Amino acid sequence: MRRPEFISQSRRRVKRLALQVEERKLREEFSRERDGLFSRPGGPGRLQKPAGSALLRRAVPRREMIQRSKQIYESLPEVQRRREEERRIAEYRSYRLNAQLYNKRITDRVLSRRRAAWH
């Protein structure tokens, strides 16, 4: 009730995941159909696959799954907000460091001029 935008974003994420599952199933079915049409099952130099081996083959390669998971994680609004906050903090830190260096230079310049005037 207090955060309806969070609920709607969560529902969108769940819907997107369901669509990805459906897309993965369609791709697997399409690739199976394409393999059946264009492969030569008894061709020379080709070994017969045992029954059920098509089920063991991944529809999406492991590397691609990891990459897609990272991409989805990075696109989450919580993660983007945290990254933005970290960037802002680093920027403030660099501003403070530059201010300290500037103050040190000004102080050194003022003190060296006074010493020169006193001698």
PDB file of N, CA and C in Angstrom:
ATOM      1  N   MET A   1       0.820  -1.189   0.000  1.00  0.00           N
ATOM      2  CA  MET A   1       0.000   0.000   0.000  1.00  0.00           C
ATOM      3  C   MET A   1       0.867   1.258   0.000  1.00  0.00           C
ATOM      4  N   ARG A   2       1.997   1.200   0.730  1.00  0.00           N
ATOM      5  CA  ARG A   2       2.826   2.397   0.846  1.00  0.00           C
ATOM      6  C   ARG A   2       3.741   2.596  -0.353  1.00  0.00           C
ATOM      7  N   ARG A   3       4.043   1.510  -1.048  1.00  0.00           N
ATOM      8  CA  ARG A   3       4.966   1.610  -2.187  1.00  0.00           C
ATOM      9  C   ARG A   3       4.374   0.911  -3.403  1.00  0.00           C
ATOM     10  N   PRO A   4       3.365   1.504  -4.007  1.00  0.00           N
ATOM     11  CA  PRO A   4       2.734   0.846  -5.173  1.00  0.00           C
ATOM     12  C   PRO A   4       3.676   0.748  -6.361  1.00  0.00           C
ATOM     13  N   GLU A   5       4.635   1.691  -6.502  1.00  0.00           N
ATOM     14  CA  GLU A   5       5.559   1.611  -7.639  1.00  0.00           C
ATOM     15  C   GLU A   5       6.456   0.379  -7.527  1.00  0.00           C
ATOM     16  N   PHE A   6       6.819   0.003  -6.284  1.00  0.00           N
ATOM     17  CA  PHE A   6       7.635  -1.192  -6.091  1.00  0.00           C
ATOM     18  C   PHE A   6       6.857  -2.433  -6.518  1.00  0.00           C
ATOM     19  N   ILE A   7       5.603  -2.487  -6.145  1.00  0.00           N
ATOM     20  CA  ILE A   7       4.771  -3.641  -6.493  1.00  0.00           C
ATOM     21  C   ILE A   7       4.607  -3.736  -8.005  1.00  0.00           C
ATOM     22  N   SER A   8       4.354  -2.601  -8.647  1.00  0.00           N
ATOM     23  CA  SER A   8       4.179  -2.649 -10.103  1.00  0.00           C
ATOM     24  C   SER A   8       5.479  -3.033 -10.806  1.00  0.00           C
ATOM     25  N   GLN A   9       6.620  -2.538 -10.315  1.00  0.00           N
ATOM     26  CA  GLN A   9       7.906  -2.922 -10.917  1.00  0.00           C
ATOM     27  C   GLN A   9       8.166  -4.409 -10.718  1.00  0.00           C
ATOM     28  N   SER A  10       7.819  -4.904  -9.549  1.00  0.00           N
ATOM     29  CA  SER A  10       8.007  -6.329  -9.270  1.00  0.00           C
ATOM     30  C   SER A  10       7.131  -7.174 -10.197  1.00  0.00           C
ATOM     31  N   ARG A  11       5.902  -6.743 -10.408  1.00  0.00           N
ATOM     32  CA  ARG A  11       5.015  -7.478 -11.316  1.00  0.00           C
ATOM     33  C   ARG A  11       5.560  -7.464 -12.738  1.00  0.00           C
ATOM     34  N   ARG A  12       6.107  -6.307 -13.153  1.00  0.00           N
ATOM     35  CA  ARG A  12       6.704  -6.237 -14.488  1.00  0.00           C
ATOM     36  C   ARG A  12       7.891  -7.181 -14.615  1.00  0.00           C
ATOM     37  N   ARG A  13       8.722  -7.246 -13.564  1.00  0.00           N
ATOM     38  CA  ARG A  13       9.870  -8.161 -13.599  1.00  0.00           C
ATOM     39  C   ARG A  13       9.411  -9.608 -13.701  1.00  0.00           C
ATOM     40  N   VAL A  14       8.392  -9.975 -12.924  1.00  0.00           N
ATOM     41  CA  VAL A  14       7.868 -11.348 -12.965  1.00  0.00           C
ATOM     42  C   VAL A  14       7.309 -11.647 -14.351  1.00  0.00           C
ATOM     43  N   LYS A  15       6.588 -10.685 -14.930  1.00  0.00           N
ATOM     44  CA  LYS A  15       6.021 -10.877 -16.264  1.00  0.00           C
ATOM     45  C   LYS A  15       7.133 -11.041 -17.292  1.00  0.00           C
ATOM     46  N   ARG A  16       8.210 -10.222 -17.160  1.00  0.00           N
ATOM     47  CA  ARG A  16       9.333 -10.310 -18.089  1.00  0.00           C
ATOM     48  C   ARG A  16      10.016 -11.670 -17.974  1.00  0.00           C
ATOM     49  N   LEU A  17      10.164 -12.171 -16.745  1.00  0.00           N
ATOM     50  CA  LEU A  17      10.774 -13.491 -16.564  1.00  0.00           C
ATOM     51  C   LEU A  17       9.914 -14.585 -17.189  1.00  0.00           C
ATOM     52  N   ALA A  18       8.599 -14.474 -17.034  1.00  0.00           N
ATOM     53  CA  ALA A  18       7.709 -15.474 -17.636  1.00  0.00           C
ATOM     54  C   ALA A  18       7.824 -15.437 -19.158  1.00  0.00           C
ATOM     55  N   LEU A  19       7.926 -14.236 -19.722  1.00  0.00           N
ATOM     56  CA  LEU A  19       8.096 -14.124 -21.171  1.00  0.00           C
ATOM     57  C   LEU A  19       9.427 -14.718 -21.621  1.00  0.00           C
ATOM     58  N   GLN A  20      10.467 -14.526 -20.820  1.00  0.00           N
ATOM     59  CA  GLN A  20      11.767 -15.100 -21.174  1.00  0.00           C
ATOM     60  C   GLN A  20      11.715 -16.624 -21.156  1.00  0.00           C
ATOM     61  N   VAL A  21      11.013 -17.189 -20.185  1.00  0.00           N
ATOM     62  CA  VAL A  21      10.875 -18.652 -20.123  1.00  0.00           C
ATOM     63  C   VAL A  21      10.146 -19.145 -21.363  1.00  0.00           C
ATOM     64  N   GLU A  22       9.072 -18.448 -21.721  1.00  0.00           N
ATOM     65  CA  GLU A  22       8.311 -18.845 -22.904  1.00  0.00           C
ATOM     66  C   GLU A  22       9.171 -18.720 -24.166  1.00  0.00           C
ATOM     67  N   GLU A  23       9.933 -17.635 -24.255  1.00  0.00           N
ATOM     68  CA  GLU A  23      10.809 -17.446 -25.414  1.00  0.00           C
ATOM     69  C   GLU A  23      11.856 -18.552 -25.491  1.00  0.00           C
ATOM     70  N   ARG A  24      12.406 -18.923 -24.357  1.00  0.00           N
ATOM     71  CA  ARG A  24      13.408 -19.987 -24.321  1.00  0.00           C
ATOM     72  C   ARG A  24      12.815 -21.305 -24.809  1.00  0.00           C
ATOM     73  N   LYS A  25      11.587 -21.598 -24.387  1.00  0.00           N
ATOM     74  CA  LYS A  25      10.933 -22.834 -24.828  1.00  0.00           C
ATOM     75  C   LYS A  25      10.701 -22.810 -26.335  1.00  0.00           C
ATOM     76  N   LEU A  26      10.254 -21.662 -26.846  1.00  0.00           N
ATOM     77  CA  LEU A  26      10.027 -21.554 -28.289  1.00  0.00           C
ATOM     78  C   LEU A  26      11.328 -21.705 -29.066  1.00  0.00           C
ATOM     79  N   ARG A  27      12.405 -21.107 -28.560  1.00  0.00           N
ATOM     80  CA  ARG A  27      13.707 -21.249 -29.232  1.00  0.00           C
ATOM     81  C   ARG A  27      14.145 -22.706 -29.260  1.00  0.00           C
ATOM     82  N   GLU A  28      13.962 -23.389 -28.125  1.00  0.00           N
ATOM     83  CA  GLU A  28      14.366 -24.790 -28.047  1.00  0.00           C
ATOM     84  C   GLU A  28      13.558 -25.625 -29.039  1.00  0.00           C
ATOM     85  N   GLU A  29      12.263 -25.372 -29.080  1.00  0.00           N
ATOM     86  CA  GLU A  29      11.413 -26.107 -30.009  1.00  0.00           C
ATOM     87  C   GLU A  29      11.804 -25.808 -31.459  1.00  0.00           C
ATOM     88  N   PHE A  30      12.074 -24.546 -31.748  1.00  0.00           N
ATOM     89  CA  PHE A  30      12.484 -24.157 -33.094  1.00  0.00           C
ATOM     90  C   PHE A  30      13.810 -24.806 -33.480  1.00  0.00           C
ATOM     91  N   SER A  31      14.770 -24.800 -32.562  1.00  0.00           N
ATOM     92  CA  SER A  31      16.077 -25.399 -32.885  1.00  0.00           C
ATOM     93  C   SER A  31      15.935 -26.914 -33.076  1.00  0.00           C
ATOM     94  N   ARG A  32      15.084 -27.549 -32.280  1.00  0.00           N
ATOM     95  CA  ARG A  32      14.864 -28.984 -32.428  1.00  0.00           C
ATOM     96  C   ARG A  32      14.248 -29.272 -33.794  1.00  0.00           C
ATOM     97  N   GLU A  33      13.274 -28.443 -34.172  1.00  0.00           N
ATOM     98  CA  GLU A  33      12.620 -28.613 -35.464  1.00  0.00           C
ATOM     99  C   GLU A  33      13.608 -28.377 -36.603  1.00  0.00           C
ATOM    100  N   ARG A  34      14.429 -27.345 -36.476  1.00  0.00           N
ATOM    101  CA  ARG A  34      15.423 -27.030 -37.505  1.00  0.00           C
ATOM    102  C   ARG A  34      16.458 -28.154 -37.613  1.00  0.00           C
ATOM    103  N   ASP A  35      16.901 -28.671 -36.465  1.00  0.00           N
ATOM    104  CA  ASP A  35      17.850 -29.789 -36.501  1.00  0.00           C
ATOM    105  C   ASP A  35      17.239 -31.002 -37.188  1.00  0.00           C
ATOM    106  N   GLY A  36      15.974 -31.236 -36.915  1.00  0.00           N
ATOM    107  CA  GLY A  36      15.305 -32.374 -37.548  1.00  0.00           C
ATOM    108  C   GLY A  36      15.176 -32.206 -39.048  1.00  0.00           C
ATOM    109  N   LEU A  37      15.000 -30.975 -39.497  1.00  0.00           N
ATOM    110  CA  LEU A  37      14.835 -30.739 -40.935  1.00  0.00           C
ATOM    111  C   LEU A  37      16.161 -30.730 -41.680  1.00  0.00           C
ATOM    112  N   PHE A  38      17.173 -30.125 -41.109  1.00  0.00           N
ATOM    113  CA  PHE A  38      18.410 -29.890 -41.849  1.00  0.00           C
ATOM    114  C   PHE A  38      19.561 -30.823 -41.506  1.00  0.00           C
ATOM    115  N   SER A  39      19.450 -31.610 -40.472  1.00  0.00           N
ATOM    116  CA  SER A  39      20.562 -32.515 -40.148  1.00  0.00           C
ATOM    117  C   SER A  39      20.376 -33.852 -40.866  1.00  0.00           C
ATOM    118  N   ARG A  40      21.507 -34.493 -41.089  1.00  0.00           N
ATOM    119  CA  ARG A  40      21.460 -35.817 -41.729  1.00  0.00           C
ATOM    120  C   ARG A  40      21.660 -36.854 -40.636  1.00  0.00           C
ATOM    121  N   PRO A  41      20.616 -37.502 -40.185  1.00  0.00           N
ATOM    122  CA  PRO A  41      20.744 -38.404 -39.046  1.00  0.00           C
ATOM    123  C   PRO A  41      21.668 -39.586 -39.290  1.00  0.00           C
ATOM    124  N   GLY A  42      21.737 -40.130 -40.496  1.00  0.00           N
ATOM    125  CA  GLY A  42      22.578 -41.307 -40.722  1.00  0.00           C
ATOM    126  C   GLY A  42      23.724 -41.005 -41.653  1.00  0.00           C
ATOM    127  N   GLY A  43      24.171 -39.743 -41.687  1.00  0.00           N
ATOM    128  CA  GLY A  43      25.224 -39.345 -42.610  1.00  0.00           C
ATOM    129  C   GLY A  43      26.543 -40.006 -42.302  1.00  0.00           C
ATOM    130  N   PRO A  44      27.497 -40.022 -43.294  1.00  0.00           N
ATOM    131  CA  PRO A  44      28.786 -40.660 -43.077  1.00  0.00           C
ATOM    132  C   PRO A  44      29.598 -39.912 -42.024  1.00  0.00           C
ATOM    133  N   GLY A  45      30.260 -40.680 -41.162  1.00  0.00           N
ATOM    134  CA  GLY A  45      31.121 -40.108 -40.137  1.00  0.00           C
ATOM    135  C   GLY A  45      30.346 -39.463 -39.007  1.00  0.00           C
ATOM    136  N   ARG A  46      29.066 -39.715 -38.942  1.00  0.00           N
ATOM    137  CA  ARG A  46      28.248 -39.074 -37.913  1.00  0.00           C
ATOM    138  C   ARG A  46      27.774 -40.158 -36.946  1.00  0.00           C
ATOM    139  N   LEU A  47      27.951 -39.880 -35.649  1.00  0.00           N
ATOM    140  CA  LEU A  47      27.542 -40.839 -34.639  1.00  0.00           C
ATOM    141  C   LEU A  47      26.087 -40.609 -34.265  1.00  0.00           C
ATOM    142  N   GLN A  48      25.396 -41.691 -33.986  1.00  0.00           N
ATOM    143  CA  GLN A  48      24.007 -41.573 -33.549  1.00  0.00           C
ATOM    144  C   GLN A  48      23.985 -41.134 -32.089  1.00  0.00           C
ATOM    145  N   LYS A  49      23.117 -40.180 -31.784  1.00  0.00           N
ATOM    146  CA  LYS A  49      22.985 -39.721 -30.401  1.00  0.00           C
ATOM    147  C   LYS A  49      22.026 -40.646 -29.673  1.00  0.00           C
ATOM    148  N   PRO A  50      22.310 -40.885 -28.400  1.00  0.00           N
ATOM    149  CA  PRO A  50      21.381 -41.714 -27.634  1.00  0.00           C
ATOM    150  C   PRO A  50      20.058 -40.979 -27.423  1.00  0.00           C
ATOM    151  N   ALA A  51      19.008 -41.734 -27.225  1.00  0.00           N
ATOM    152  CA  ALA A  51      17.681 -41.144 -27.031  1.00  0.00           C
ATOM    153  C   ALA A  51      17.680 -40.311 -25.754  1.00  0.00           C
ATOM    154  N   GLY A  52      17.068 -39.144 -25.816  1.00  0.00           N
ATOM    155  CA  GLY A  52      16.998 -38.276 -24.641  1.00  0.00           C
ATOM    156  C   GLY A  52      18.153 -37.303 -24.518  1.00  0.00           C
ATOM    157  N   SER A  53      19.115 -37.360 -25.430  1.00  0.00           N
ATOM    158  CA  SER A  53      20.258 -36.450 -25.325  1.00  0.00           C
ATOM    159  C   SER A  53      19.860 -35.021 -25.664  1.00  0.00           C
ATOM    160  N   ALA A  54      18.787 -34.860 -26.435  1.00  0.00           N
ATOM    161  CA  ALA A  54      18.317 -33.515 -26.762  1.00  0.00           C
ATOM    162  C   ALA A  54      17.827 -32.813 -25.506  1.00  0.00           C
ATOM    163  N   LEU A  55      17.325 -33.577 -24.553  1.00  0.00           N
ATOM    164  CA  LEU A  55      16.848 -32.977 -23.317  1.00  0.00           C
ATOM    165  C   LEU A  55      18.007 -32.503 -22.447  1.00  0.00           C
ATOM    166  N   LEU A  56      19.156 -33.156 -22.568  1.00  0.00           N
ATOM    167  CA  LEU A  56      20.304 -32.771 -21.760  1.00  0.00           C
ATOM    168  C   LEU A  56      20.973 -31.512 -22.272  1.00  0.00           C
ATOM    169  N   ARG A  57      20.800 -31.222 -23.552  1.00  0.00           N
ATOM    170  CA  ARG A  57      21.427 -30.034 -24.133  1.00  0.00           C
ATOM    171  C   ARG A  57      20.718 -28.787 -23.619  1.00  0.00           C
ATOM    172  N   ARG A  58      21.521 -27.791 -23.231  1.00  0.00           N
ATOM    173  CA  ARG A  58      20.941 -26.552 -22.715  1.00  0.00           C
ATOM    174  C   ARG A  58      20.355 -25.731 -23.853  1.00  0.00           C
ATOM    175  N   ALA A  59      19.218 -25.115 -23.601  1.00  0.00           N
ATOM    176  CA  ALA A  59      18.606 -24.243 -24.596  1.00  0.00           C
ATOM    177  C   ALA A  59      19.411 -22.954 -24.725  1.00  0.00           C
ATOM    178  N   VAL A  60      19.931 -22.455 -23.601  1.00  0.00           N
ATOM    179  CA  VAL A  60      20.737 -21.235 -23.582  1.00  0.00           C
ATOM    180  C   VAL A  60      22.081 -21.598 -22.971  1.00  0.00           C
ATOM    181  N   PRO A  61      23.178 -21.204 -23.597  1.00  0.00           N
ATOM    182  CA  PRO A  61      24.491 -21.519 -23.031  1.00  0.00           C
ATOM    183  C   PRO A  61      24.675 -20.892 -21.651  1.00  0.00           C
ATOM    184  N   ARG A  62      25.506 -21.525 -20.846  1.00  0.00           N
ATOM    185  CA  ARG A  62      25.719 -21.081 -19.464  1.00  0.00           C
ATOM    186  C   ARG A  62      26.247 -19.656 -19.419  1.00  0.00           C
ATOM    187  N   ARG A  63      27.203 -19.338 -20.274  1.00  0.00           N
ATOM    188  CA  ARG A  63      27.801 -18.011 -20.296  1.00  0.00           C
ATOM    189  C   ARG A  63      26.748 -16.940 -20.608  1.00  0.00           C
ATOM    190  N   GLU A  64      25.876 -17.274 -21.550  1.00  0.00           N
ATOM    191  CA  GLU A  64      24.816 -16.321 -21.911  1.00  0.00           C
ATOM    192  C   GLU A  64      23.819 -16.142 -20.767  1.00  0.00           C
ATOM    193  N   MET A  65      23.523 -17.232 -20.049  1.00  0.00           N
ATOM    194  CA  MET A  65      22.617 -17.125 -18.901  1.00  0.00           C
ATOM    195  C   MET A  65      23.219 -16.211 -17.836  1.00  0.00           C
ATOM    196  N   ILE A  66      24.522 -16.383 -17.554  1.00  0.00           N
ATOM    197  CA  ILE A  66      25.182 -15.553 -16.556  1.00  0.00           C
ATOM    198  C   ILE A  66      25.186 -14.094 -17.000  1.00  0.00           C
ATOM    199  N   GLN A  67      25.510 -13.867 -18.254  1.00  0.00           N
ATOM    200  CA  GLN A  67      25.544 -12.506 -18.785  1.00  0.00           C
ATOM    201  C   GLN A  67      24.156 -11.860 -18.711  1.00  0.00           C
ATOM    202  N   ARG A  68      23.136 -12.606 -19.079  1.00  0.00           N
ATOM    203  CA  ARG A  68      21.772 -12.062 -19.041  1.00  0.00           C
ATOM    204  C   ARG A  68      21.344 -11.774 -17.602  1.00  0.00           C
ATOM    205  N   SER A  69      21.719 -12.658 -16.663  1.00  0.00           N
ATOM    206  CA  SER A  69      21.374 -12.430 -15.263  1.00  0.00           C
ATOM    207  C   SER A  69      22.038 -11.156 -14.747  1.00  0.00           C
ATOM    208  N   LYS A  70      23.317 -10.966 -15.104  1.00  0.00           N
ATOM    209  CA  LYS A  70      24.014  -9.749 -14.689  1.00  0.00           C
ATOM    210  C   LYS A  70      23.342  -8.518 -15.276  1.00  0.00           C
ATOM    211  N   GLN A  71      22.961  -8.613 -16.527  1.00  0.00           N
ATOM    212  CA  GLN A  71      22.322  -7.490 -17.213  1.00  0.00           C
ATOM    213  C   GLN A  71      20.998  -7.134 -16.537  1.00  0.00           C
ATOM    214  N   ILE A  72      20.213  -8.141 -16.214  1.00  0.00           N
ATOM    215  CA  ILE A  72      18.932  -7.904 -15.548  1.00  0.00           C
ATOM    216  C   ILE A  72      19.165  -7.317 -14.158  1.00  0.00           C
ATOM    217  N   TYR A  73      20.176  -7.856 -13.443  1.00  0.00           N
ATOM    218  CA  TYR A  73      20.480  -7.346 -12.108  1.00  0.00           C
ATOM    219  C   TYR A  73      20.898  -5.879 -12.171  1.00  0.00           C
ATOM    220  N   GLU A  74      21.752  -5.546 -13.135  1.00  0.00           N
ATOM    221  CA  GLU A  74      22.236  -4.174 -13.254  1.00  0.00           C
ATOM    222  C   GLU A  74      21.120  -3.206 -13.636  1.00  0.00           C
ATOM    223  N   SER A  75      20.077  -3.703 -14.288  1.00  0.00           N
ATOM    224  CA  SER A  75      18.988  -2.821 -14.697  1.00  0.00           C
ATOM    225  C   SER A  75      17.948  -2.627 -13.594  1.00  0.00           C
ATOM    226  N   LEU A  76      18.085  -3.333 -12.475  1.00  0.00           N
ATOM    227  CA  LEU A  76      17.134  -3.146 -11.381  1.00  0.00           C
ATOM    228  C   LEU A  76      17.260  -1.732 -10.821  1.00  0.00           C
ATOM    229  N   PRO A  77      16.145  -1.097 -10.489  1.00  0.00           N
ATOM    230  CA  PRO A  77      16.204   0.286 -10.004  1.00  0.00           C
ATOM    231  C   PRO A  77      16.974   0.437  -8.694  1.00  0.00           C
ATOM    232  N   GLU A  78      16.896  -0.567  -7.808  1.00  0.00           N
ATOM    233  CA  GLU A  78      17.626  -0.487  -6.534  1.00  0.00           C
ATOM    234  C   GLU A  78      19.128  -0.446  -6.801  1.00  0.00           C
ATOM    235  N   VAL A  79      19.572  -1.275  -7.732  1.00  0.00           N
ATOM    236  CA  VAL A  79      20.999  -1.346  -8.042  1.00  0.00           C
ATOM    237  C   VAL A  79      21.447  -0.048  -8.717  1.00  0.00           C
ATOM    238  N   GLN A  80      20.632   0.479  -9.614  1.00  0.00           N
ATOM    239  CA  GLN A  80      20.991   1.735 -10.281  1.00  0.00           C
ATOM    240  C   GLN A  80      21.080   2.873  -9.272  1.00  0.00           C
ATOM    241  N   ARG A  81      20.136   2.918  -8.323  1.00  0.00           N
ATOM    242  CA  ARG A  81      20.189   3.951  -7.284  1.00  0.00           C
ATOM    243  C   ARG A  81      21.448   3.830  -6.455  1.00  0.00           C
ATOM    244  N   ARG A  82      21.817   2.590  -6.083  1.00  0.00           N
ATOM    245  CA  ARG A  82      23.021   2.390  -5.274  1.00  0.00           C
ATOM    246  C   ARG A  82      24.267   2.812  -6.043  1.00  0.00           C
ATOM    247  N   ARG A  83      24.353   2.477  -7.321  1.00  0.00           N
ATOM    248  CA  ARG A  83      25.498   2.868  -8.148  1.00  0.00           C
ATOM    249  C   ARG A  83      25.599   4.391  -8.246  1.00  0.00           C
ATOM    250  N   GLU A  84      24.444   5.030  -8.440  1.00  0.00           N
ATOM    251  CA  GLU A  84      24.422   6.492  -8.532  1.00  0.00           C
ATOM    252  C   GLU A  84      24.889   7.127  -7.217  1.00  0.00           C
ATOM    253  N   GLU A  85      24.445   6.555  -6.102  1.00  0.00           N
ATOM    254  CA  GLU A  85      24.863   7.067  -4.786  1.00  0.00           C
ATOM    255  C   GLU A  85      26.373   6.889  -4.592  1.00  0.00           C
ATOM    256  N   GLU A  86      26.902   5.729  -4.983  1.00  0.00           N
ATOM    257  CA  GLU A  86      28.345   5.501  -4.861  1.00  0.00           C
ATOM    258  C   GLU A  86      29.125   6.482  -5.727  1.00  0.00           C
ATOM    259  N   ARG A  87      28.620   6.743  -6.944  1.00  0.00           N
ATOM    260  CA  ARG A  87      29.288   7.697  -7.830  1.00  0.00           C
ATOM    261  C   ARG A  87      29.275   9.099  -7.223  1.00  0.00           C
ATOM    262  N   ARG A  88      28.139   9.470  -6.649  1.00  0.00           N
ATOM    263  CA  ARG A  88      28.016  10.795  -6.030  1.00  0.00           C
ATOM    264  C   ARG A  88      28.976  10.931  -4.840  1.00  0.00           C
ATOM    265  N   ILE A  89      29.069   9.890  -4.016  1.00  0.00           N
ATOM    266  CA  ILE A  89      29.964   9.926  -2.858  1.00  0.00           C
ATOM    267  C   ILE A  89      31.411  10.063  -3.317  1.00  0.00           C
ATOM    268  N   ALA A  90      31.785   9.316  -4.353  1.00  0.00           N
ATOM    269  CA  ALA A  90      33.155   9.414  -4.878  1.00  0.00           C
ATOM    270  C   ALA A  90      33.421  10.817  -5.419  1.00  0.00           C
ATOM    271  N   GLU A  91      32.426  11.404  -6.062  1.00  0.00           N
ATOM    272  CA  GLU A  91      32.577  12.759  -6.591  1.00  0.00           C
ATOM    273  C   GLU A  91      32.770  13.756  -5.456  1.00  0.00           C
ATOM    274  N   TYR A  92      31.969  13.625  -4.383  1.00  0.00           N
ATOM    275  CA  TYR A  92      32.118  14.512  -3.228  1.00  0.00           C
ATOM    276  C   TYR A  92      33.498  14.341  -2.593  1.00  0.00           C
ATOM    277  N   ARG A  93      33.969  13.102  -2.530  1.00  0.00           N
ATOM    278  CA  ARG A  93      35.283  12.833  -1.951  1.00  0.00           C
ATOM    279  C   ARG A  93      36.379  13.543  -2.754  1.00  0.00           C
ATOM    280  N   SER A  94      36.260  13.494  -4.079  1.00  0.00           N
ATOM    281  CA  SER A  94      37.268  14.168  -4.907  1.00  0.00           C
ATOM    282  C   SER A  94      37.168  15.685  -4.747  1.00  0.00           C
ATOM    283  N   TYR A  95      35.955  16.218  -4.585  1.00  0.00           N
ATOM    284  CA  TYR A  95      35.808  17.646  -4.350  1.00  0.00           C
ATOM    285  C   TYR A  95      36.498  18.052  -3.050  1.00  0.00           C
ATOM    286  N   ARG A  96      36.290  17.261  -1.992  1.00  0.00           N
ATOM    287  CA  ARG A  96      36.927  17.575  -0.697  1.00  0.00           C
ATOM    288  C   ARG A  96      38.445  17.524  -0.811  1.00  0.00           C
ATOM    289  N   LEU A  97      38.955  16.534  -1.524  1.00  0.00           N
ATOM    290  CA  LEU A  97      40.403  16.412  -1.696  1.00  0.00           C
ATOM    291  C   LEU A  97      40.966  17.617  -2.458  1.00  0.00           C
ATOM    292  N   ASN A  98      40.272  18.018  -3.530  1.00  0.00           N
ATOM    293  CA  ASN A  98      40.725  19.199  -4.279  1.00  0.00           C
ATOM    294  C   ASN A  98      40.683  20.447  -3.412  1.00  0.00           C
ATOM    295  N   ALA A  99      39.655  20.578  -2.566  1.00  0.00           N
ATOM    296  CA  ALA A  99      39.555  21.738  -1.679  1.00  0.00           C
ATOM    297  C   ALA A  99      40.703  21.741  -0.673  1.00  0.00           C
ATOM    298  N   GLN A 100      41.032  20.574  -0.122  1.00  0.00           N
ATOM    299  CA  GLN A 100      42.148  20.490   0.824  1.00  0.00           C
ATOM    300  C   GLN A 100      43.463  20.875   0.142  1.00  0.00           C
ATOM    301  N   LEU A 101      43.691  20.384  -1.068  1.00  0.00           N
ATOM    302  CA  LEU A 101      44.914  20.727  -1.794  1.00  0.00           C
ATOM    303  C   LEU A 101      44.972  22.220  -2.091  1.00  0.00           C
ATOM    304  N   TYR A 102      43.846  22.792  -2.467  1.00  0.00           N
ATOM    305  CA  TYR A 102      43.794  24.225  -2.750  1.00  0.00           C
ATOM    306  C   TYR A 102      44.105  25.019  -1.481  1.00  0.00           C
ATOM    307  N   ASN A 103      43.488  24.643  -0.371  1.00  0.00           N
ATOM    308  CA  ASN A 103      43.752  25.345   0.888  1.00  0.00           C
ATOM    309  C   ASN A 103      45.218  25.228   1.293  1.00  0.00           C
ATOM    310  N   LYS A 104      45.804  24.071   1.092  1.00  0.00           N
ATOM    311  CA  LYS A 104      47.212  23.871   1.436  1.00  0.00           C
ATOM    312  C   LYS A 104      48.103  24.767   0.576  1.00  0.00           C
ATOM    313  N   ARG A 105      47.824  24.840  -0.725  1.00  0.00           N
ATOM    314  CA  ARG A 105      48.615  25.700  -1.610  1.00  0.00           C
ATOM    315  C   ARG A 105      48.486  27.166  -1.219  1.00  0.00           C
ATOM    316  N   ILE A 106      47.246  27.592  -0.947  1.00  0.00           N
ATOM    317  CA  ILE A 106      47.032  28.991  -0.554  1.00  0.00           C
ATOM    318  C   ILE A 106      47.749  29.281   0.758  1.00  0.00           C
ATOM    319  N   THR A 107      47.639  28.368   1.710  1.00  0.00           N
ATOM    320  CA  THR A 107      48.311  28.562   3.002  1.00  0.00           C
ATOM    321  C   THR A 107      49.819  28.637   2.812  1.00  0.00           C
ATOM    322  N   ASP A 108      50.388  27.745   2.020  1.00  0.00           N
ATOM    323  CA  ASP A 108      51.829  27.773   1.771  1.00  0.00           C
ATOM    324  C   ASP A 108      52.248  29.072   1.099  1.00  0.00           C
ATOM    325  N   ARG A 109      51.453  29.517   0.145  1.00  0.00           N
ATOM    326  CA  ARG A 109      51.780  30.758  -0.563  1.00  0.00           C
ATOM    327  C   ARG A 109      51.734  31.958   0.382  1.00  0.00           C
ATOM    328  N   VAL A 110      50.689  32.016   1.233  1.00  0.00           N
ATOM    329  CA  VAL A 110      50.551  33.137   2.172  1.00  0.00           C
ATOM    330  C   VAL A 110      51.686  33.114   3.183  1.00  0.00           C
ATOM    331  N   LEU A 111      52.003  31.944   3.727  1.00  0.00           N
ATOM    332  CA  LEU A 111      53.067  31.857   4.727  1.00  0.00           C
ATOM    333  C   LEU A 111      54.428  32.170   4.128  1.00  0.00           C
ATOM    334  N   SER A 112      54.677  31.727   2.921  1.00  0.00           N
ATOM    335  CA  SER A 112      55.981  31.996   2.312  1.00  0.00           C
ATOM    336  C   SER A 112      56.128  33.483   2.007  1.00  0.00           C
ATOM    337  N   ARG A 113      55.046  34.162   1.631  1.00  0.00           N
ATOM    338  CA  ARG A 113      55.115  35.599   1.372  1.00  0.00           C
ATOM    339  C   ARG A 113      55.371  36.359   2.664  1.00  0.00           C
ATOM    340  N   ARG A 114      54.735  35.964   3.772  1.00  0.00           N
ATOM    341  CA  ARG A 114      54.957  36.639   5.040  1.00  0.00           C
ATOM    342  C   ARG A 114      56.399  36.487   5.497  1.00  0.00           C
ATOM    343  N   ARG A 115      56.895  35.264   5.354  1.00  0.00           N
ATOM    344  CA  ARG A 115      58.286  35.030   5.780  1.00  0.00           C
ATOM    345  C   ARG A 115      59.227  35.900   4.934  1.00  0.00           C
ATOM    346  N   ALA A 116      58.936  35.973   3.639  1.00  0.00           N
ATOM    347  CA  ALA A 116      59.781  36.771   2.766  1.00  0.00           C
ATOM    348  C   ALA A 116      59.704  38.249   3.174  1.00  0.00           C
ATOM    349  N   ALA A 117      58.543  38.710   3.595  1.00  0.00           N
ATOM    350  CA  ALA A 117      58.394  40.104   3.985  1.00  0.00           C
ATOM    351  C   ALA A 117      59.082  40.396   5.299  1.00  0.00           C
ATOM    352  N   TRP A 118      59.136  39.419   6.224  1.00  0.00           N
ATOM    353  CA  TRP A 118      59.750  39.639   7.534  1.00  0.00           C
ATOM    354  C   TRP A 118      61.273  39.639   7.444  1.00  0.00           C
ATOM    355  N   HIS A 119      61.845  38.995   6.508  1.00  0.00           N
ATOM    356  CA  HIS A 119      63.310  38.884   6.442  1.00  0.00           C
ATOM    357  C   HIS A 119      63.891  40.088   5.857  1.00  0.00           C
TER     358      HIS A 119
END
